[in-house]
Every structure is written in structure tokens, then in C-alpha cells.
Amino acid sequence: MKKILFSVILAFAINGAFAQVNEKELLKKNEEAAAKLKEEKPNGWTKKGTFTFLANQATFNNWLAGGQSNISGNIGLNYDFNYKSEKWNWDNKIIAGYGLTKIKGQDVQKSDDRLVFNSLAGRKAGGYWYYSLFFNFQTQFDSGFAKVEFLNDNGTPNNSADDFNDTKNVKNSHFFSPAYFQFGPGMLWKKSDNLKVNIAPATSKLVMVHKHFTEFGPSFGVKQGETTRFEFGAAINAYYKFNVMENVSFENILNLYSNYLEDPQNVDIDYTLNVVMKINKYLTTNFAFQTIYDDNAFRGFQTRQVIGLGVSYGF
């Protein structure tokens, strides 16, 4: 009798143990299925952004090796607000940045100045492909200046009485001048929010500048005496963001454009690399590199590079 009772108790214990294991496995599978369903299920709007402040400072006093004291600061905003449903995908991004640099003995100069808005809407076509429509807008916040050499009629430098330099800073841009607009239909290949390529073979591009910048000659590709320039061509926009390690992310943004109406072989290039090395919740080391090639504005590569320790706030 004792043996039978012991066998029954042992059987119940074993069954109970297996039941607990099966229950845990089932619970784990349900949690994984719920997480996968949540990932795949349409989730409406998602919003996230990062505000960053970068500062750099260097001081030299009787430093025999040489050097110039300087101080600089940059503020930046990177904000995404995206919509997702079963058939539709709509990604929006705002990038804004402004920076100033002061070198001892020189005037304050801009180190960064940009305002960018990208909007990309897509309707599911199949697999990773979407029928798409994109819009891009770019301008700057503050006035820009360029050094211009003034010459006399005989070609010698014009050293005026109030300025003994033969070069002067002349305003060549300000807010909404220039302003760039691009829009057009295409096809979007999107594997994730961090990896996507949009191909738009029928893209319209509009460049706008204020009339006082074209009074004496062309400006940013706009002809003398005019205020706008229209182009029609093909655009390719690519975005790829990845982590090389847990706290280090690389963000790549590439925009290519070819104008069918004039020199289609001269492809406009705009590439930006943002590297963020996260120290803790609020402190980061940031590196930004941007290069632009647009032969209508400048026959050569324009480059911008910013690096520094920053205070970062996510929202």
C-alpha cells in the first residue's frame, strides 16, 4: 500500500514538474508571438527625436608651438515622425543645425547652418517594395558671406580708405535664399526604418533665390535677373543606420540627382555621415561629415565636418 501511495505521489510530482516546464515554455512562446505580432502589426504614429549641443574650446597663451585660441558651439535637432499601417508607410524627418565659431582676432563665423525636411510616403506593392511619393526641402537659417576680391579697372587690388584689405565679406545667401525643393513619384525598397532606398525617375527640382543675389550675375544656378531655376530629372535617396557596437551608431544619408534637361552626366551628390558615440544617457561624442557636389552652385566638392563632446536629450 505504501509503495502504491508513493508511486502515485511520485507520478503527480513528475506530472506537475512537466506541467510547470510546459507552462513556462508556452508562456515564453506566447510572449515571443506577441512581440512579433506587435512588430508586424500596424501601429499608427511613432515619434522620436534627439536634441544635441556640442561645444569646443581651445586656449593658447605663450605657446611656442603656435595656435589660435578659439571657441565654438553647435546645436542640432534630428526628429522623426512616422506612420505605419498594413498597406501604407509614411516617413518624415526634420534635421536642423546651427553653429558658431570665434577665433581670437577674427569675426564670428558660422560652422553649421541647415534646415532639412524629408517626407516619403509609400503604398505596399509586394515584399519590401512600395509605390512611393517623396518631397524634400532644404534651406538655411542665417545669412552667409563669401570673400570677394575687389579690383580697380587696371586689375590691381582696390584698397579703399576705410578698408585696407583687397577682399571683403559680401552677403551671398540668407534664410530661404537659396531654397531647394524636390518631389516626384517612384519606387521604395524598405527593409526596415534603418535601411531603405527610394528611386524616383521623374523628379522635379526647384531652386529659389532672392532677386538681389542675381542682380549682377547668376547665383546657386539661377540665372542673372531671375529668381527661380526649374530642373527635371532622376533622384535616388538612400538611408542606412547601424550600430558597430552597443553604444556607437553610424547614420548614412545619400541623395543623388541627375538633371535630364542640362548635363545629365553631372550628378549632384549630397552625402552625410553622422557618428554618435554614447557615453551615458545625456553625454555623447558626435562626429558629422557632409560633402556636396553641385556644379551649378560650385564646381567642386563642398565639405563640412563637426566633432565634439555634446549634451544629448532624446524625446
C-alpha atoms as a PDB file:
ATOM      1  CA  MET A   1       0.000   0.000   0.000  1.00  0.00           C
ATOM      2  CA  LYS A   2       2.834   2.353   0.887  1.00  0.00           C
ATOM      3  CA  LYS A   3       4.527   1.543  -2.407  1.00  0.00           C
ATOM      4  CA  ILE A   4       1.347   2.317  -4.345  1.00  0.00           C
ATOM      5  CA  LEU A   5       0.846   5.591  -2.452  1.00  0.00           C
ATOM      6  CA  PHE A   6       4.493   6.560  -3.062  1.00  0.00           C
ATOM      7  CA  SER A   7       4.139   5.752  -6.772  1.00  0.00           C
ATOM      8  CA  VAL A   8       1.004   7.895  -7.050  1.00  0.00           C
ATOM      9  CA  ILE A   9       2.674  10.847  -5.285  1.00  0.00           C
ATOM     10  CA  LEU A  10       5.795  10.482  -7.476  1.00  0.00           C
ATOM     11  CA  ALA A  11       3.665  10.397 -10.626  1.00  0.00           C
ATOM     12  CA  PHE A  12       1.807  13.537  -9.569  1.00  0.00           C
ATOM     13  CA  ALA A  13       5.132  15.285  -8.794  1.00  0.00           C
ATOM     14  CA  ILE A  14       6.624  14.352 -12.145  1.00  0.00           C
ATOM     15  CA  ASN A  15       3.467  15.409 -13.998  1.00  0.00           C
ATOM     16  CA  GLY A  16       3.433  18.653 -12.042  1.00  0.00           C
ATOM     17  CA  ALA A  17       7.066  19.349 -12.868  1.00  0.00           C
ATOM     18  CA  PHE A  18       6.469  18.681 -16.578  1.00  0.00           C
ATOM     19  CA  ALA A  19       3.342  20.812 -16.439  1.00  0.00           C
ATOM     20  CA  GLN A  20       5.336  23.710 -14.981  1.00  0.00           C
ATOM     21  CA  VAL A  21       8.027  23.324 -17.650  1.00  0.00           C
ATOM     22  CA  ASN A  22       5.426  23.152 -20.417  1.00  0.00           C
ATOM     23  CA  GLU A  23       3.613  26.151 -18.935  1.00  0.00           C
ATOM     24  CA  LYS A  24       6.831  28.163 -18.881  1.00  0.00           C
ATOM     25  CA  GLU A  25       7.646  27.169 -22.469  1.00  0.00           C
ATOM     26  CA  LEU A  26       4.122  28.018 -23.568  1.00  0.00           C
ATOM     27  CA  LEU A  27       4.283  31.383 -21.784  1.00  0.00           C
ATOM     28  CA  LYS A  28       7.619  32.139 -23.419  1.00  0.00           C
ATOM     29  CA  LYS A  29       6.259  31.214 -26.852  1.00  0.00           C
ATOM     30  CA  ASN A  30       3.192  33.390 -26.281  1.00  0.00           C
ATOM     31  CA  GLU A  31       5.397  36.338 -25.293  1.00  0.00           C
ATOM     32  CA  GLU A  32       7.563  35.867 -28.397  1.00  0.00           C
ATOM     33  CA  ALA A  33       4.480  35.604 -30.600  1.00  0.00           C
ATOM     34  CA  ALA A  34       3.002  38.746 -29.017  1.00  0.00           C
ATOM     35  CA  ALA A  35       6.267  40.644 -29.558  1.00  0.00           C
ATOM     36  CA  LYS A  36       6.426  39.505 -33.186  1.00  0.00           C
ATOM     37  CA  LEU A  37       2.769  40.409 -33.710  1.00  0.00           C
ATOM     38  CA  LYS A  38       3.363  43.827 -32.160  1.00  0.00           C
ATOM     39  CA  GLU A  39       6.317  44.355 -34.502  1.00  0.00           C
ATOM     40  CA  GLU A  40       4.374  43.337 -37.602  1.00  0.00           C
ATOM     41  CA  LYS A  41       1.030  44.807 -36.610  1.00  0.00           C
ATOM     42  CA  PRO A  42       0.201  48.329 -37.843  1.00  0.00           C
ATOM     43  CA  ASN A  43       0.991  50.689 -35.003  1.00  0.00           C
ATOM     44  CA  GLY A  44      -0.074  54.145 -36.243  1.00  0.00           C
ATOM     45  CA  TRP A  45       2.213  57.070 -35.458  1.00  0.00           C
ATOM     46  CA  THR A  46       5.646  56.768 -33.862  1.00  0.00           C
ATOM     47  CA  LYS A  47       7.658  59.843 -32.885  1.00  0.00           C
ATOM     48  CA  LYS A  48      11.214  60.215 -31.646  1.00  0.00           C
ATOM     49  CA  GLY A  49      13.855  62.902 -31.678  1.00  0.00           C
ATOM     50  CA  THR A  50      17.239  63.971 -30.376  1.00  0.00           C
ATOM     51  CA  PHE A  51      18.419  67.433 -29.391  1.00  0.00           C
ATOM     52  CA  THR A  52      22.194  67.884 -29.220  1.00  0.00           C
ATOM     53  CA  PHE A  53      24.511  70.654 -28.051  1.00  0.00           C
ATOM     54  CA  LEU A  54      28.209  70.404 -28.956  1.00  0.00           C
ATOM     55  CA  ALA A  55      30.960  72.637 -27.587  1.00  0.00           C
ATOM     56  CA  ASN A  56      34.660  73.003 -28.377  1.00  0.00           C
ATOM     57  CA  GLN A  57      37.220  75.313 -26.819  1.00  0.00           C
ATOM     58  CA  ALA A  58      40.987  75.788 -27.124  1.00  0.00           C
ATOM     59  CA  THR A  59      43.194  78.342 -25.371  1.00  0.00           C
ATOM     60  CA  PHE A  60      46.849  79.183 -26.134  1.00  0.00           C
ATOM     61  CA  ASN A  61      48.987  81.541 -24.058  1.00  0.00           C
ATOM     62  CA  ASN A  62      52.705  81.968 -24.857  1.00  0.00           C
ATOM     63  CA  TRP A  63      52.529  78.597 -26.569  1.00  0.00           C
ATOM     64  CA  LEU A  64      55.742  78.359 -28.605  1.00  0.00           C
ATOM     65  CA  ALA A  65      54.409  75.645 -30.887  1.00  0.00           C
ATOM     66  CA  GLY A  66      51.743  78.062 -32.084  1.00  0.00           C
ATOM     67  CA  GLY A  67      47.970  78.009 -32.132  1.00  0.00           C
ATOM     68  CA  GLN A  68      44.959  80.293 -32.024  1.00  0.00           C
ATOM     69  CA  SER A  69      42.503  80.444 -29.143  1.00  0.00           C
ATOM     70  CA  ASN A  70      39.005  79.607 -30.276  1.00  0.00           C
ATOM     71  CA  ILE A  71      35.594  78.622 -29.032  1.00  0.00           C
ATOM     72  CA  SER A  72      32.682  77.090 -30.910  1.00  0.00           C
ATOM     73  CA  GLY A  73      29.224  75.737 -30.254  1.00  0.00           C
ATOM     74  CA  ASN A  74      26.660  73.800 -32.286  1.00  0.00           C
ATOM     75  CA  ILE A  75      23.048  72.897 -31.659  1.00  0.00           C
ATOM     76  CA  GLY A  76      21.229  70.216 -33.620  1.00  0.00           C
ATOM     77  CA  LEU A  77      17.826  68.595 -33.920  1.00  0.00           C
ATOM     78  CA  ASN A  78      17.046  65.229 -35.510  1.00  0.00           C
ATOM     79  CA  TYR A  79      13.330  64.432 -35.309  1.00  0.00           C
ATOM     80  CA  ASP A  80      11.321  61.598 -36.905  1.00  0.00           C
ATOM     81  CA  PHE A  81       7.555  61.211 -37.034  1.00  0.00           C
ATOM     82  CA  ASN A  82       6.416  58.167 -38.987  1.00  0.00           C
ATOM     83  CA  TYR A  83       3.119  56.465 -39.740  1.00  0.00           C
ATOM     84  CA  LYS A  84       2.668  52.765 -40.450  1.00  0.00           C
ATOM     85  CA  SER A  85      -0.356  50.685 -41.363  1.00  0.00           C
ATOM     86  CA  GLU A  86      -0.993  47.413 -43.156  1.00  0.00           C
ATOM     87  CA  LYS A  87      -0.685  48.986 -46.615  1.00  0.00           C
ATOM     88  CA  TRP A  88       0.798  52.446 -46.021  1.00  0.00           C
ATOM     89  CA  ASN A  89       4.148  53.716 -44.817  1.00  0.00           C
ATOM     90  CA  TRP A  90       4.878  57.442 -44.301  1.00  0.00           C
ATOM     91  CA  ASP A  91       8.304  58.544 -43.008  1.00  0.00           C
ATOM     92  CA  ASN A  92       9.078  62.153 -42.079  1.00  0.00           C
ATOM     93  CA  LYS A  93      12.376  63.580 -40.825  1.00  0.00           C
ATOM     94  CA  ILE A  94      13.435  67.074 -39.753  1.00  0.00           C
ATOM     95  CA  ILE A  95      17.133  67.898 -39.481  1.00  0.00           C
ATOM     96  CA  ALA A  96      18.183  71.309 -38.178  1.00  0.00           C
ATOM     97  CA  GLY A  97      21.582  72.583 -37.161  1.00  0.00           C
ATOM     98  CA  TYR A  98      23.256  75.872 -36.347  1.00  0.00           C
ATOM     99  CA  GLY A  99      26.770  76.580 -35.100  1.00  0.00           C
ATOM    100  CA  LEU A 100      29.149  79.486 -34.492  1.00  0.00           C
ATOM    101  CA  THR A 101      32.934  79.654 -34.187  1.00  0.00           C
ATOM    102  CA  LYS A 102      35.001  82.508 -32.726  1.00  0.00           C
ATOM    103  CA  ILE A 103      38.736  82.555 -33.410  1.00  0.00           C
ATOM    104  CA  LYS A 104      40.771  85.108 -31.485  1.00  0.00           C
ATOM    105  CA  GLY A 105      41.331  88.204 -33.606  1.00  0.00           C
ATOM    106  CA  GLN A 106      38.676  87.284 -36.165  1.00  0.00           C
ATOM    107  CA  ASP A 107      34.954  87.832 -36.602  1.00  0.00           C
ATOM    108  CA  VAL A 108      32.410  85.229 -35.545  1.00  0.00           C
ATOM    109  CA  GLN A 109      31.754  82.734 -38.330  1.00  0.00           C
ATOM    110  CA  LYS A 110      29.149  80.055 -38.949  1.00  0.00           C
ATOM    111  CA  SER A 111      30.233  76.448 -38.605  1.00  0.00           C
ATOM    112  CA  ASP A 112      26.840  74.923 -39.395  1.00  0.00           C
ATOM    113  CA  ASP A 113      23.547  76.238 -40.774  1.00  0.00           C
ATOM    114  CA  ARG A 114      20.892  73.995 -42.287  1.00  0.00           C
ATOM    115  CA  LEU A 115      17.218  73.145 -42.206  1.00  0.00           C
ATOM    116  CA  VAL A 116      16.083  69.959 -43.956  1.00  0.00           C
ATOM    117  CA  PHE A 117      12.668  68.321 -44.204  1.00  0.00           C
ATOM    118  CA  ASN A 118      12.214  64.912 -45.862  1.00  0.00           C
ATOM    119  CA  SER A 119       8.861  63.209 -46.411  1.00  0.00           C
ATOM    120  CA  LEU A 120       8.440  59.798 -48.050  1.00  0.00           C
ATOM    121  CA  ALA A 121       5.079  58.075 -48.458  1.00  0.00           C
ATOM    122  CA  GLY A 122       4.664  54.549 -49.791  1.00  0.00           C
ATOM    123  CA  ARG A 123       1.871  52.080 -50.552  1.00  0.00           C
ATOM    124  CA  LYS A 124       2.623  48.382 -50.324  1.00  0.00           C
ATOM    125  CA  ALA A 125       3.412  46.760 -53.674  1.00  0.00           C
ATOM    126  CA  GLY A 126       4.866  43.406 -52.591  1.00  0.00           C
ATOM    127  CA  GLY A 127       7.709  42.138 -50.472  1.00  0.00           C
ATOM    128  CA  TYR A 128       9.913  45.038 -49.446  1.00  0.00           C
ATOM    129  CA  TRP A 129       8.674  47.242 -52.328  1.00  0.00           C
ATOM    130  CA  TYR A 130       6.285  50.228 -52.168  1.00  0.00           C
ATOM    131  CA  TYR A 131       4.853  52.659 -54.702  1.00  0.00           C
ATOM    132  CA  SER A 132       6.208  55.949 -53.398  1.00  0.00           C
ATOM    133  CA  LEU A 133       5.989  59.727 -53.492  1.00  0.00           C
ATOM    134  CA  PHE A 134       8.700  61.866 -51.921  1.00  0.00           C
ATOM    135  CA  PHE A 135       9.216  65.529 -51.012  1.00  0.00           C
ATOM    136  CA  ASN A 136      12.436  67.229 -49.913  1.00  0.00           C
ATOM    137  CA  PHE A 137      13.016  70.808 -48.753  1.00  0.00           C
ATOM    138  CA  GLN A 138      16.322  72.452 -47.782  1.00  0.00           C
ATOM    139  CA  THR A 139      17.355  75.956 -46.768  1.00  0.00           C
ATOM    140  CA  GLN A 140      19.344  77.790 -44.081  1.00  0.00           C
ATOM    141  CA  PHE A 141      18.557  79.967 -41.041  1.00  0.00           C
ATOM    142  CA  ASP A 142      21.104  82.777 -41.209  1.00  0.00           C
ATOM    143  CA  SER A 143      22.943  84.928 -43.732  1.00  0.00           C
ATOM    144  CA  GLY A 144      26.025  83.569 -45.440  1.00  0.00           C
ATOM    145  CA  PHE A 145      29.064  85.534 -46.566  1.00  0.00           C
ATOM    146  CA  ALA A 146      31.784  84.966 -49.133  1.00  0.00           C
ATOM    147  CA  LYS A 147      35.130  86.705 -49.518  1.00  0.00           C
ATOM    148  CA  VAL A 148      35.148  88.742 -52.739  1.00  0.00           C
ATOM    149  CA  GLU A 149      38.230  90.471 -54.156  1.00  0.00           C
ATOM    150  CA  PHE A 150      37.640  93.995 -55.392  1.00  0.00           C
ATOM    151  CA  LEU A 151      39.896  95.218 -58.233  1.00  0.00           C
ATOM    152  CA  ASN A 152      40.457  98.537 -59.954  1.00  0.00           C
ATOM    153  CA  ASP A 153      39.922  98.912 -63.702  1.00  0.00           C
ATOM    154  CA  ASN A 154      43.623  98.155 -64.266  1.00  0.00           C
ATOM    155  CA  GLY A 155      43.331  94.892 -62.333  1.00  0.00           C
ATOM    156  CA  THR A 156      45.118  95.996 -59.167  1.00  0.00           C
ATOM    157  CA  PRO A 157      43.566  95.457 -55.707  1.00  0.00           C
ATOM    158  CA  ASN A 158      41.162  98.200 -54.669  1.00  0.00           C
ATOM    159  CA  ASN A 159      42.357  99.196 -51.181  1.00  0.00           C
ATOM    160  CA  SER A 160      39.793 101.738 -50.098  1.00  0.00           C
ATOM    161  CA  ALA A 161      40.484 104.293 -47.378  1.00  0.00           C
ATOM    162  CA  ASP A 162      38.107 102.657 -44.925  1.00  0.00           C
ATOM    163  CA  ASP A 163      39.308  99.111 -45.568  1.00  0.00           C
ATOM    164  CA  PHE A 164      42.917  98.283 -46.339  1.00  0.00           C
ATOM    165  CA  ASN A 165      42.144  94.745 -47.409  1.00  0.00           C
ATOM    166  CA  ASP A 166      41.532  93.880 -51.047  1.00  0.00           C
ATOM    167  CA  THR A 167      38.918  91.286 -50.033  1.00  0.00           C
ATOM    168  CA  LYS A 168      35.592  91.943 -48.337  1.00  0.00           C
ATOM    169  CA  ASN A 169      32.865  89.719 -46.910  1.00  0.00           C
ATOM    170  CA  VAL A 170      29.830  90.018 -49.138  1.00  0.00           C
ATOM    171  CA  LYS A 171      26.456  88.510 -48.268  1.00  0.00           C
ATOM    172  CA  ASN A 172      25.600  85.753 -50.726  1.00  0.00           C
ATOM    173  CA  SER A 173      22.669  83.975 -49.008  1.00  0.00           C
ATOM    174  CA  HIS A 174      20.125  84.177 -46.212  1.00  0.00           C
ATOM    175  CA  PHE A 175      17.005  82.387 -44.942  1.00  0.00           C
ATOM    176  CA  PHE A 176      15.001  80.845 -47.811  1.00  0.00           C
ATOM    177  CA  SER A 177      17.609  82.019 -50.312  1.00  0.00           C
ATOM    178  CA  PRO A 178      18.587  79.586 -51.602  1.00  0.00           C
ATOM    179  CA  ALA A 179      15.683  77.217 -51.014  1.00  0.00           C
ATOM    180  CA  TYR A 180      15.607  73.797 -52.671  1.00  0.00           C
ATOM    181  CA  PHE A 181      12.500  71.725 -53.397  1.00  0.00           C
ATOM    182  CA  GLN A 182      12.388  68.195 -54.816  1.00  0.00           C
ATOM    183  CA  PHE A 183       9.350  65.982 -55.334  1.00  0.00           C
ATOM    184  CA  GLY A 184       8.302  63.078 -57.505  1.00  0.00           C
ATOM    185  CA  PRO A 185       6.846  59.537 -57.733  1.00  0.00           C
ATOM    186  CA  GLY A 186       8.933  56.411 -57.640  1.00  0.00           C
ATOM    187  CA  MET A 187       9.524  53.022 -56.046  1.00  0.00           C
ATOM    188  CA  LEU A 188      10.669  52.481 -52.475  1.00  0.00           C
ATOM    189  CA  TRP A 189      12.596  49.445 -51.239  1.00  0.00           C
ATOM    190  CA  LYS A 190      12.348  49.368 -47.464  1.00  0.00           C
ATOM    191  CA  LYS A 191      13.599  46.515 -45.326  1.00  0.00           C
ATOM    192  CA  SER A 192      13.313  48.479 -42.076  1.00  0.00           C
ATOM    193  CA  ASP A 193      13.251  52.027 -40.732  1.00  0.00           C
ATOM    194  CA  ASN A 194      17.064  51.877 -40.758  1.00  0.00           C
ATOM    195  CA  LEU A 195      17.563  50.558 -44.299  1.00  0.00           C
ATOM    196  CA  LYS A 196      15.699  51.951 -47.318  1.00  0.00           C
ATOM    197  CA  VAL A 197      16.292  53.180 -50.877  1.00  0.00           C
ATOM    198  CA  ASN A 198      13.892  55.311 -52.940  1.00  0.00           C
ATOM    199  CA  ILE A 199      14.207  55.537 -56.738  1.00  0.00           C
ATOM    200  CA  ALA A 200      12.329  58.413 -58.423  1.00  0.00           C
ATOM    201  CA  PRO A 201      12.948  58.610 -62.205  1.00  0.00           C
ATOM    202  CA  ALA A 202      10.573  61.580 -62.732  1.00  0.00           C
ATOM    203  CA  THR A 203      11.655  64.158 -60.155  1.00  0.00           C
ATOM    204  CA  SER A 204      11.020  67.889 -60.319  1.00  0.00           C
ATOM    205  CA  LYS A 205      13.513  70.235 -58.673  1.00  0.00           C
ATOM    206  CA  LEU A 206      13.048  73.942 -57.960  1.00  0.00           C
ATOM    207  CA  VAL A 207      15.751  76.342 -56.740  1.00  0.00           C
ATOM    208  CA  MET A 208      14.688  79.742 -55.369  1.00  0.00           C
ATOM    209  CA  VAL A 209      16.878  82.768 -54.525  1.00  0.00           C
ATOM    210  CA  HIS A 210      16.123  86.395 -53.723  1.00  0.00           C
ATOM    211  CA  LYS A 211      16.362  88.808 -56.651  1.00  0.00           C
ATOM    212  CA  HIS A 212      19.168  90.875 -55.091  1.00  0.00           C
ATOM    213  CA  PHE A 213      21.528  87.870 -55.329  1.00  0.00           C
ATOM    214  CA  THR A 214      21.094  87.604 -59.116  1.00  0.00           C
ATOM    215  CA  GLU A 215      21.186  91.328 -59.851  1.00  0.00           C
ATOM    216  CA  PHE A 216      24.798  91.255 -61.076  1.00  0.00           C
ATOM    217  CA  GLY A 217      25.204  87.611 -62.028  1.00  0.00           C
ATOM    218  CA  PRO A 218      23.995  84.031 -61.521  1.00  0.00           C
ATOM    219  CA  SER A 219      23.560  82.620 -58.016  1.00  0.00           C
ATOM    220  CA  PHE A 220      23.223  78.943 -56.990  1.00  0.00           C
ATOM    221  CA  GLY A 221      22.451  78.010 -60.591  1.00  0.00           C
ATOM    222  CA  VAL A 222      19.740  80.665 -61.014  1.00  0.00           C
ATOM    223  CA  LYS A 223      20.471  82.915 -63.999  1.00  0.00           C
ATOM    224  CA  GLN A 224      21.116  86.643 -63.704  1.00  0.00           C
ATOM    225  CA  GLY A 225      17.923  88.672 -63.265  1.00  0.00           C
ATOM    226  CA  GLU A 226      15.823  85.601 -62.374  1.00  0.00           C
ATOM    227  CA  THR A 227      14.676  84.191 -59.028  1.00  0.00           C
ATOM    228  CA  THR A 228      13.971  80.513 -59.793  1.00  0.00           C
ATOM    229  CA  ARG A 229      15.502  77.592 -61.640  1.00  0.00           C
ATOM    230  CA  PHE A 230      13.476  74.510 -62.635  1.00  0.00           C
ATOM    231  CA  GLU A 231      15.000  71.103 -63.311  1.00  0.00           C
ATOM    232  CA  PHE A 232      13.552  67.721 -64.216  1.00  0.00           C
ATOM    233  CA  GLY A 233      15.451  64.508 -63.698  1.00  0.00           C
ATOM    234  CA  ALA A 234      16.009  61.368 -61.649  1.00  0.00           C
ATOM    235  CA  ALA A 235      16.665  61.100 -57.913  1.00  0.00           C
ATOM    236  CA  ILE A 236      17.951  58.285 -55.703  1.00  0.00           C
ATOM    237  CA  ASN A 237      17.695  58.654 -51.925  1.00  0.00           C
ATOM    238  CA  ALA A 238      19.233  56.075 -49.576  1.00  0.00           C
ATOM    239  CA  TYR A 239      19.276  55.765 -45.782  1.00  0.00           C
ATOM    240  CA  TYR A 240      21.259  53.263 -43.719  1.00  0.00           C
ATOM    241  CA  LYS A 241      21.768  53.325 -39.947  1.00  0.00           C
ATOM    242  CA  PHE A 242      23.538  50.620 -37.966  1.00  0.00           C
ATOM    243  CA  ASN A 243      25.416  50.035 -34.715  1.00  0.00           C
ATOM    244  CA  VAL A 244      29.063  48.991 -34.921  1.00  0.00           C
ATOM    245  CA  MET A 245      28.894  48.260 -31.195  1.00  0.00           C
ATOM    246  CA  GLU A 246      26.380  48.736 -28.403  1.00  0.00           C
ATOM    247  CA  ASN A 247      26.863  52.492 -27.903  1.00  0.00           C
ATOM    248  CA  VAL A 248      28.214  53.553 -31.314  1.00  0.00           C
ATOM    249  CA  SER A 249      25.857  54.225 -34.239  1.00  0.00           C
ATOM    250  CA  PHE A 250      26.560  55.204 -37.854  1.00  0.00           C
ATOM    251  CA  GLU A 251      23.873  57.064 -39.829  1.00  0.00           C
ATOM    252  CA  ASN A 252      24.361  57.378 -43.603  1.00  0.00           C
ATOM    253  CA  ILE A 253      22.196  59.653 -45.780  1.00  0.00           C
ATOM    254  CA  LEU A 254      22.827  59.755 -49.539  1.00  0.00           C
ATOM    255  CA  ASN A 255      20.981  61.850 -52.140  1.00  0.00           C
ATOM    256  CA  LEU A 256      21.779  61.671 -55.872  1.00  0.00           C
ATOM    257  CA  TYR A 257      20.175  63.761 -58.609  1.00  0.00           C
ATOM    258  CA  SER A 258      20.639  63.978 -62.391  1.00  0.00           C
ATOM    259  CA  ASN A 259      19.043  66.770 -64.433  1.00  0.00           C
ATOM    260  CA  TYR A 260      17.690  65.460 -67.760  1.00  0.00           C
ATOM    261  CA  LEU A 261      17.411  68.989 -69.165  1.00  0.00           C
ATOM    262  CA  GLU A 262      21.060  70.015 -68.783  1.00  0.00           C
ATOM    263  CA  ASP A 263      24.274  67.982 -68.410  1.00  0.00           C
ATOM    264  CA  PRO A 264      22.643  64.780 -67.067  1.00  0.00           C
ATOM    265  CA  GLN A 265      26.112  63.239 -66.650  1.00  0.00           C
ATOM    266  CA  ASN A 266      26.898  65.780 -63.904  1.00  0.00           C
ATOM    267  CA  VAL A 267      25.202  64.051 -60.991  1.00  0.00           C
ATOM    268  CA  ASP A 268      24.521  66.148 -57.884  1.00  0.00           C
ATOM    269  CA  ILE A 269      25.756  64.388 -54.729  1.00  0.00           C
ATOM    270  CA  ASP A 270      24.794  65.078 -51.133  1.00  0.00           C
ATOM    271  CA  TYR A 271      26.193  62.622 -48.585  1.00  0.00           C
ATOM    272  CA  THR A 272      26.036  62.926 -44.787  1.00  0.00           C
ATOM    273  CA  LEU A 273      27.622  60.685 -42.152  1.00  0.00           C
ATOM    274  CA  ASN A 274      26.607  61.071 -38.510  1.00  0.00           C
ATOM    275  CA  VAL A 275      28.505  59.064 -35.897  1.00  0.00           C
ATOM    276  CA  VAL A 276      27.202  59.070 -32.313  1.00  0.00           C
ATOM    277  CA  MET A 277      29.261  57.525 -29.511  1.00  0.00           C
ATOM    278  CA  LYS A 278      27.048  57.370 -26.453  1.00  0.00           C
ATOM    279  CA  ILE A 279      28.795  57.827 -23.089  1.00  0.00           C
ATOM    280  CA  ASN A 280      25.697  57.758 -20.901  1.00  0.00           C
ATOM    281  CA  LYS A 281      22.075  58.871 -21.062  1.00  0.00           C
ATOM    282  CA  TYR A 282      22.943  62.521 -21.678  1.00  0.00           C
ATOM    283  CA  LEU A 283      26.596  62.724 -22.813  1.00  0.00           C
ATOM    284  CA  THR A 284      27.723  61.785 -26.324  1.00  0.00           C
ATOM    285  CA  THR A 285      30.659  62.294 -28.636  1.00  0.00           C
ATOM    286  CA  ASN A 286      29.403  63.312 -32.059  1.00  0.00           C
ATOM    287  CA  PHE A 287      31.088  63.366 -35.444  1.00  0.00           C
ATOM    288  CA  ALA A 288      29.370  64.738 -38.551  1.00  0.00           C
ATOM    289  CA  PHE A 289      30.735  64.800 -42.090  1.00  0.00           C
ATOM    290  CA  GLN A 290      28.917  66.134 -45.139  1.00  0.00           C
ATOM    291  CA  THR A 291      30.047  66.546 -48.725  1.00  0.00           C
ATOM    292  CA  ILE A 292      28.079  68.164 -51.559  1.00  0.00           C
ATOM    293  CA  TYR A 293      28.770  68.292 -55.270  1.00  0.00           C
ATOM    294  CA  ASP A 294      26.525  70.615 -57.302  1.00  0.00           C
ATOM    295  CA  ASP A 295      28.267  72.131 -60.311  1.00  0.00           C
ATOM    296  CA  ASN A 296      25.521  74.736 -60.704  1.00  0.00           C
ATOM    297  CA  ALA A 297      26.403  76.239 -57.315  1.00  0.00           C
ATOM    298  CA  PHE A 298      30.150  75.451 -57.146  1.00  0.00           C
ATOM    299  CA  ARG A 299      32.425  73.459 -59.435  1.00  0.00           C
ATOM    300  CA  GLY A 300      33.961  71.239 -56.799  1.00  0.00           C
ATOM    301  CA  PHE A 301      33.184  69.369 -53.596  1.00  0.00           C
ATOM    302  CA  GLN A 302      31.874  71.309 -50.633  1.00  0.00           C
ATOM    303  CA  THR A 303      32.709  69.666 -47.295  1.00  0.00           C
ATOM    304  CA  ARG A 304      31.610  70.191 -43.701  1.00  0.00           C
ATOM    305  CA  GLN A 305      32.968  68.440 -40.612  1.00  0.00           C
ATOM    306  CA  VAL A 306      31.943  68.837 -36.974  1.00  0.00           C
ATOM    307  CA  ILE A 307      33.215  66.874 -33.968  1.00  0.00           C
ATOM    308  CA  GLY A 308      32.832  67.422 -30.249  1.00  0.00           C
ATOM    309  CA  LEU A 309      31.570  66.339 -26.876  1.00  0.00           C
ATOM    310  CA  GLY A 310      27.882  67.009 -26.591  1.00  0.00           C
ATOM    311  CA  VAL A 311      24.868  67.009 -24.338  1.00  0.00           C
ATOM    312  CA  SER A 312      22.142  64.925 -25.948  1.00  0.00           C
ATOM    313  CA  TYR A 313      18.484  64.690 -24.973  1.00  0.00           C
ATOM    314  CA  GLY A 314      16.101  62.175 -26.531  1.00  0.00           C
ATOM    315  CA  PHE A 315      12.347  62.688 -26.682  1.00  0.00           C
END
